[in-house]
């Protein structure tokens, strides 16, 4: 009986490492959600620059 009770108690550091994994996962979600926006903003700047170059040539 005590053997099964001991299995329910996690080893030291397991909870902390689980929190670290969850934190890393949440940070990666933040990066993934920002990535497309950063790409779109960069493309918008390039298009604006190309428009300006065309306007100067005409």
N, C-alpha and C. Protein backbone atom coordinates (compact mmCIF):
# COMPACT_ATOMS: atom_id res chain seq x y z
N UNK A 1 0.82 -1.19 0.00
CA UNK A 1 0.00 0.00 0.00
C UNK A 1 0.87 1.26 0.00
N UNK A 2 1.89 1.30 0.81
CA UNK A 2 2.74 2.49 0.83
C UNK A 2 3.49 2.66 -0.48
N UNK A 3 3.73 1.56 -1.17
CA UNK A 3 4.43 1.66 -2.45
C UNK A 3 3.61 2.48 -3.46
N UNK A 4 2.31 2.26 -3.54
CA UNK A 4 1.48 3.05 -4.45
C UNK A 4 1.36 4.49 -4.00
N UNK A 5 1.33 4.75 -2.73
CA UNK A 5 1.25 6.12 -2.23
C UNK A 5 2.51 6.89 -2.59
N UNK A 6 3.63 6.24 -2.55
CA UNK A 6 4.89 6.91 -2.89
C UNK A 6 4.95 7.25 -4.38
N UNK A 7 4.28 6.48 -5.22
CA UNK A 7 4.28 6.76 -6.65
C UNK A 7 3.48 8.01 -6.99
N UNK A 8 2.56 8.43 -6.13
CA UNK A 8 1.75 9.61 -6.40
C UNK A 8 2.52 10.90 -6.14
N UNK A 9 3.56 10.83 -5.35
CA UNK A 9 4.37 12.02 -5.04
C UNK A 9 5.43 12.18 -6.13
N UNK A 10 5.44 13.30 -6.85
CA UNK A 10 6.41 13.46 -7.92
C UNK A 10 7.83 13.62 -7.37
N UNK A 11 8.78 13.26 -8.19
CA UNK A 11 10.19 13.41 -7.80
C UNK A 11 10.51 14.90 -7.71
N UNK A 12 11.49 15.25 -6.90
CA UNK A 12 11.86 16.67 -6.77
C UNK A 12 12.27 17.26 -8.12
N UNK A 13 11.76 18.44 -8.40
CA UNK A 13 12.11 19.13 -9.63
C UNK A 13 11.18 18.84 -10.80
N UNK A 14 10.33 17.84 -10.70
CA UNK A 14 9.43 17.50 -11.80
C UNK A 14 8.43 18.62 -12.06
N UNK A 15 7.86 19.18 -11.01
CA UNK A 15 6.87 20.24 -11.17
C UNK A 15 7.51 21.48 -11.78
N UNK A 16 8.70 21.81 -11.31
CA UNK A 16 9.41 22.98 -11.84
C UNK A 16 9.75 22.79 -13.31
N UNK A 17 10.17 21.58 -13.68
CA UNK A 17 10.51 21.36 -15.08
C UNK A 17 9.24 21.36 -15.94
N UNK A 18 8.12 20.89 -15.40
CA UNK A 18 6.86 20.95 -16.14
C UNK A 18 6.44 22.40 -16.36
N UNK A 19 6.64 23.25 -15.36
CA UNK A 19 6.33 24.67 -15.52
C UNK A 19 7.23 25.31 -16.56
N UNK A 20 8.50 24.92 -16.58
CA UNK A 20 9.43 25.47 -17.56
C UNK A 20 9.02 25.06 -18.98
N UNK A 21 8.58 23.83 -19.14
CA UNK A 21 8.14 23.36 -20.46
C UNK A 21 6.89 24.13 -20.88
N UNK A 22 5.95 24.31 -19.96
CA UNK A 22 4.73 25.04 -20.29
C UNK A 22 5.06 26.49 -20.65
N UNK A 23 5.98 27.11 -19.91
CA UNK A 23 6.38 28.49 -20.21
C UNK A 23 7.03 28.61 -21.57
N UNK A 24 7.90 27.65 -21.90
CA UNK A 24 8.55 27.68 -23.21
C UNK A 24 7.53 27.51 -24.34
N UNK A 25 6.55 26.66 -24.10
CA UNK A 25 5.50 26.45 -25.10
C UNK A 25 4.71 27.74 -25.32
N UNK A 26 4.35 28.42 -24.24
CA UNK A 26 3.59 29.66 -24.36
C UNK A 26 4.41 30.74 -25.06
N UNK A 27 5.70 30.81 -24.78
CA UNK A 27 6.55 31.78 -25.46
C UNK A 27 6.63 31.48 -26.95
N UNK A 28 6.69 30.20 -27.30
CA UNK A 28 6.76 29.84 -28.72
C UNK A 28 5.46 30.22 -29.43
N UNK A 29 4.33 30.11 -28.75
CA UNK A 29 3.07 30.54 -29.34
C UNK A 29 3.09 32.03 -29.61
N UNK A 30 3.66 32.79 -28.70
CA UNK A 30 3.74 34.24 -28.88
C UNK A 30 4.60 34.57 -30.09
N UNK A 31 5.71 33.86 -30.25
CA UNK A 31 6.59 34.09 -31.40
C UNK A 31 5.87 33.74 -32.69
N UNK A 32 5.17 32.59 -32.69
CA UNK A 32 4.49 32.14 -33.89
C UNK A 32 3.41 33.13 -34.30
N UNK A 33 2.70 33.69 -33.33
CA UNK A 33 1.63 34.63 -33.68
C UNK A 33 2.19 35.96 -34.18
N UNK A 34 3.36 36.36 -33.72
CA UNK A 34 3.97 37.61 -34.17
C UNK A 34 4.67 37.48 -35.52
N UNK A 35 5.09 36.29 -35.86
CA UNK A 35 5.88 36.08 -37.07
C UNK A 35 5.15 36.54 -38.33
N UNK A 36 3.91 36.11 -38.57
CA UNK A 36 3.23 36.58 -39.78
C UNK A 36 3.03 38.09 -39.81
N UNK A 37 2.75 38.69 -38.65
CA UNK A 37 2.57 40.14 -38.61
C UNK A 37 3.86 40.85 -38.97
N UNK A 38 4.98 40.36 -38.47
CA UNK A 38 6.26 40.98 -38.80
C UNK A 38 6.56 40.86 -40.29
N UNK A 39 6.23 39.71 -40.87
CA UNK A 39 6.46 39.53 -42.31
C UNK A 39 5.58 40.47 -43.12
N UNK A 40 4.33 40.61 -42.72
CA UNK A 40 3.41 41.50 -43.44
C UNK A 40 3.89 42.95 -43.35
N UNK A 41 4.30 43.37 -42.16
CA UNK A 41 4.81 44.74 -42.00
C UNK A 41 6.03 44.98 -42.87
N UNK A 42 6.91 43.99 -42.93
CA UNK A 42 8.11 44.13 -43.77
C UNK A 42 7.72 44.25 -45.23
N UNK A 43 6.79 43.42 -45.69
CA UNK A 43 6.34 43.49 -47.08
C UNK A 43 5.67 44.82 -47.39
N UNK A 44 4.90 45.34 -46.44
CA UNK A 44 4.26 46.64 -46.64
C UNK A 44 5.30 47.74 -46.79
N UNK A 45 6.38 47.68 -46.02
CA UNK A 45 7.45 48.68 -46.15
C UNK A 45 8.13 48.57 -47.51
N UNK A 46 8.37 47.34 -47.98
CA UNK A 46 9.00 47.15 -49.29
C UNK A 46 8.10 47.68 -50.39
N UNK A 47 6.81 47.40 -50.32
CA UNK A 47 5.87 47.90 -51.33
C UNK A 47 5.85 49.43 -51.33
N UNK A 48 5.83 50.03 -50.14
CA UNK A 48 5.84 51.49 -50.05
C UNK A 48 7.12 52.06 -50.67
N UNK A 49 8.25 51.39 -50.42
CA UNK A 49 9.51 51.86 -50.98
C UNK A 49 9.49 51.74 -52.51
N UNK A 50 8.96 50.63 -53.04
CA UNK A 50 8.87 50.47 -54.48
C UNK A 50 7.94 51.50 -55.11
N UNK A 51 6.84 51.79 -54.46
CA UNK A 51 5.92 52.82 -54.95
C UNK A 51 6.61 54.17 -55.02
N UNK A 52 7.38 54.48 -54.00
CA UNK A 52 8.10 55.76 -53.96
C UNK A 52 9.12 55.82 -55.10
N UNK A 53 9.81 54.72 -55.35
CA UNK A 53 10.79 54.69 -56.45
C UNK A 53 10.09 54.88 -57.79
N UNK A 54 8.93 54.26 -57.96
CA UNK A 54 8.19 54.43 -59.22
C UNK A 54 7.69 55.86 -59.38
N UNK A 55 7.24 56.45 -58.31
CA UNK A 55 6.75 57.83 -58.36
C UNK A 55 7.90 58.77 -58.75
N UNK A 56 9.09 58.53 -58.25
CA UNK A 56 10.22 59.40 -58.58
C UNK A 56 10.66 59.25 -60.04
N UNK A 57 10.45 58.09 -60.62
CA UNK A 57 10.87 57.85 -62.00
C UNK A 57 9.88 58.42 -63.01
N UNK A 58 8.67 58.67 -62.60
CA UNK A 58 7.69 59.15 -63.58
C UNK A 58 7.51 60.64 -63.51
